[in-house]
């Protein structure tokens, strides 16, 4: 028995605003049926005593203390810049003023 009918595929196509031919309806119904059967098989294998996971191996975050260290002054950073304006890097404009955002 098919898990998804041709009519359901047509309904999904309409909801997605996709133009689908009659041949595509049959093809997609078959493909979606295979996918849904595979998902159902996975559901059968999953046992109640196995907790759901997001990764196949356990992950552990390694955190370090947030320690303040010496860094460059704004003048030192800007000293290597090809062009500076108002204590900022000056770069060429890539968008014109008339471009609507």
C-alpha atoms as a PDB file:
ATOM      1  CA  UNK A   1       0.000   0.000   0.000  1.00  0.00           C
ATOM      2  CA  UNK A   2       1.349   3.437  -0.925  1.00  0.00           C
ATOM      3  CA  UNK A   3       2.100   5.741   1.982  1.00  0.00           C
ATOM      4  CA  UNK A   4       1.291   8.811  -0.095  1.00  0.00           C
ATOM      5  CA  UNK A   5      -1.268   9.088  -2.843  1.00  0.00           C
ATOM      6  CA  UNK A   6      -1.089  10.885  -6.146  1.00  0.00           C
ATOM      7  CA  UNK A   7      -3.765  13.284  -4.887  1.00  0.00           C
ATOM      8  CA  UNK A   8      -1.717  14.091  -1.785  1.00  0.00           C
ATOM      9  CA  UNK A   9       1.307  14.855  -3.979  1.00  0.00           C
ATOM     10  CA  UNK A  10      -0.861  17.154  -6.115  1.00  0.00           C
ATOM     11  CA  UNK A  11      -2.106  18.868  -2.947  1.00  0.00           C
ATOM     12  CA  UNK A  12       1.469  19.355  -1.686  1.00  0.00           C
ATOM     13  CA  UNK A  13       2.470  20.738  -5.083  1.00  0.00           C
ATOM     14  CA  UNK A  14      -0.403  23.243  -4.962  1.00  0.00           C
ATOM     15  CA  UNK A  15       0.545  24.299  -1.423  1.00  0.00           C
ATOM     16  CA  UNK A  16       4.148  24.746  -2.567  1.00  0.00           C
ATOM     17  CA  UNK A  17       2.981  26.611  -5.659  1.00  0.00           C
ATOM     18  CA  UNK A  18       4.751  24.133  -7.931  1.00  0.00           C
ATOM     19  CA  UNK A  19       3.546  23.342 -11.425  1.00  0.00           C
ATOM     20  CA  UNK A  20       3.654  19.561 -11.723  1.00  0.00           C
ATOM     21  CA  UNK A  21       2.769  17.474 -14.769  1.00  0.00           C
ATOM     22  CA  UNK A  22       0.698  14.282 -14.601  1.00  0.00           C
ATOM     23  CA  UNK A  23       3.833  12.190 -15.182  1.00  0.00           C
ATOM     24  CA  UNK A  24       5.663  14.027 -12.397  1.00  0.00           C
ATOM     25  CA  UNK A  25       2.788  13.337 -10.003  1.00  0.00           C
ATOM     26  CA  UNK A  26       3.250   9.591 -10.515  1.00  0.00           C
ATOM     27  CA  UNK A  27       7.048   9.845 -10.285  1.00  0.00           C
ATOM     28  CA  UNK A  28       6.999  12.024  -7.142  1.00  0.00           C
ATOM     29  CA  UNK A  29       4.375   9.828  -5.473  1.00  0.00           C
ATOM     30  CA  UNK A  30       6.669   6.816  -5.947  1.00  0.00           C
ATOM     31  CA  UNK A  31       9.742   8.687  -4.708  1.00  0.00           C
ATOM     32  CA  UNK A  32       7.978  10.120  -1.667  1.00  0.00           C
ATOM     33  CA  UNK A  33       6.564   6.680  -0.882  1.00  0.00           C
ATOM     34  CA  UNK A  34      10.100   5.235  -0.785  1.00  0.00           C
ATOM     35  CA  UNK A  35      11.240   8.060   1.500  1.00  0.00           C
ATOM     36  CA  UNK A  36       8.280   7.645   3.858  1.00  0.00           C
ATOM     37  CA  UNK A  37       8.833   3.879   4.036  1.00  0.00           C
ATOM     38  CA  UNK A  38      12.504   4.446   4.927  1.00  0.00           C
ATOM     39  CA  UNK A  39      11.512   6.869   7.679  1.00  0.00           C
ATOM     40  CA  UNK A  40       8.970   4.347   8.986  1.00  0.00           C
ATOM     41  CA  UNK A  41      11.704   1.680   9.103  1.00  0.00           C
ATOM     42  CA  UNK A  42      13.901   3.954  11.189  1.00  0.00           C
ATOM     43  CA  UNK A  43      10.968   4.531  13.532  1.00  0.00           C
ATOM     44  CA  UNK A  44      10.555   0.772  13.961  1.00  0.00           C
ATOM     45  CA  UNK A  45      14.221   0.291  14.841  1.00  0.00           C
ATOM     46  CA  UNK A  46      14.329   3.042  17.452  1.00  0.00           C
ATOM     47  CA  UNK A  47      13.783   1.448  20.836  1.00  0.00           C
ATOM     48  CA  UNK A  48      12.248   3.094  23.864  1.00  0.00           C
ATOM     49  CA  UNK A  49      15.372   2.451  25.946  1.00  0.00           C
ATOM     50  CA  UNK A  50      17.638   4.366  23.538  1.00  0.00           C
ATOM     51  CA  UNK A  51      17.632   8.108  24.249  1.00  0.00           C
ATOM     52  CA  UNK A  52      17.401  10.487  21.279  1.00  0.00           C
ATOM     53  CA  UNK A  53      20.708  12.135  20.352  1.00  0.00           C
ATOM     54  CA  UNK A  54      21.858  14.904  18.084  1.00  0.00           C
ATOM     55  CA  UNK A  55      25.326  13.407  17.468  1.00  0.00           C
ATOM     56  CA  UNK A  56      26.654   9.891  17.067  1.00  0.00           C
ATOM     57  CA  UNK A  57      29.430  10.496  19.593  1.00  0.00           C
ATOM     58  CA  UNK A  58      29.226  12.446  22.857  1.00  0.00           C
ATOM     59  CA  UNK A  59      30.405  16.040  22.629  1.00  0.00           C
ATOM     60  CA  UNK A  60      32.067  17.931  25.424  1.00  0.00           C
ATOM     61  CA  UNK A  61      32.577  21.673  25.386  1.00  0.00           C
ATOM     62  CA  UNK A  62      35.939  22.797  26.637  1.00  0.00           C
ATOM     63  CA  UNK A  63      35.665  26.171  28.275  1.00  0.00           C
ATOM     64  CA  UNK A  64      38.518  28.374  29.373  1.00  0.00           C
ATOM     65  CA  UNK A  65      38.539  31.259  31.735  1.00  0.00           C
ATOM     66  CA  UNK A  66      37.958  34.621  30.098  1.00  0.00           C
ATOM     67  CA  UNK A  67      41.204  36.399  30.898  1.00  0.00           C
ATOM     68  CA  UNK A  68      42.005  39.957  29.861  1.00  0.00           C
ATOM     69  CA  UNK A  69      45.338  40.122  28.010  1.00  0.00           C
ATOM     70  CA  UNK A  70      47.249  43.035  26.484  1.00  0.00           C
ATOM     71  CA  UNK A  71      46.179  43.956  22.968  1.00  0.00           C
ATOM     72  CA  UNK A  72      46.887  46.573  20.334  1.00  0.00           C
ATOM     73  CA  UNK A  73      45.787  50.170  20.792  1.00  0.00           C
ATOM     74  CA  UNK A  74      43.494  51.681  18.157  1.00  0.00           C
ATOM     75  CA  UNK A  75      46.450  53.720  16.888  1.00  0.00           C
ATOM     76  CA  UNK A  76      48.574  50.585  16.486  1.00  0.00           C
ATOM     77  CA  UNK A  77      45.805  48.789  14.620  1.00  0.00           C
ATOM     78  CA  UNK A  78      45.126  51.694  12.267  1.00  0.00           C
ATOM     79  CA  UNK A  79      48.833  52.360  11.660  1.00  0.00           C
ATOM     80  CA  UNK A  80      48.965  49.588   9.049  1.00  0.00           C
ATOM     81  CA  UNK A  81      45.769  50.575   7.249  1.00  0.00           C
ATOM     82  CA  UNK A  82      46.063  52.022   3.740  1.00  0.00           C
ATOM     83  CA  UNK A  83      43.402  54.647   4.512  1.00  0.00           C
ATOM     84  CA  UNK A  84      41.928  55.877   7.820  1.00  0.00           C
ATOM     85  CA  UNK A  85      39.101  58.312   8.515  1.00  0.00           C
ATOM     86  CA  UNK A  86      37.706  59.289  11.943  1.00  0.00           C
ATOM     87  CA  UNK A  87      39.614  56.516  13.743  1.00  0.00           C
ATOM     88  CA  UNK A  88      38.153  53.866  11.376  1.00  0.00           C
ATOM     89  CA  UNK A  89      39.331  51.884   8.385  1.00  0.00           C
ATOM     90  CA  UNK A  90      38.269  53.651   5.199  1.00  0.00           C
ATOM     91  CA  UNK A  91      37.229  51.282   2.405  1.00  0.00           C
ATOM     92  CA  UNK A  92      35.879  51.890  -1.095  1.00  0.00           C
ATOM     93  CA  UNK A  93      32.102  52.201  -1.424  1.00  0.00           C
ATOM     94  CA  UNK A  94      30.613  49.148  -3.133  1.00  0.00           C
ATOM     95  CA  UNK A  95      26.957  50.216  -3.179  1.00  0.00           C
ATOM     96  CA  UNK A  96      25.584  53.462  -4.492  1.00  0.00           C
ATOM     97  CA  UNK A  97      23.352  55.725  -2.422  1.00  0.00           C
ATOM     98  CA  UNK A  98      20.289  55.052  -4.628  1.00  0.00           C
ATOM     99  CA  UNK A  99      20.200  51.315  -3.784  1.00  0.00           C
ATOM    100  CA  UNK A 100      17.103  50.561  -1.694  1.00  0.00           C
ATOM    101  CA  UNK A 101      17.619  48.297   1.276  1.00  0.00           C
END
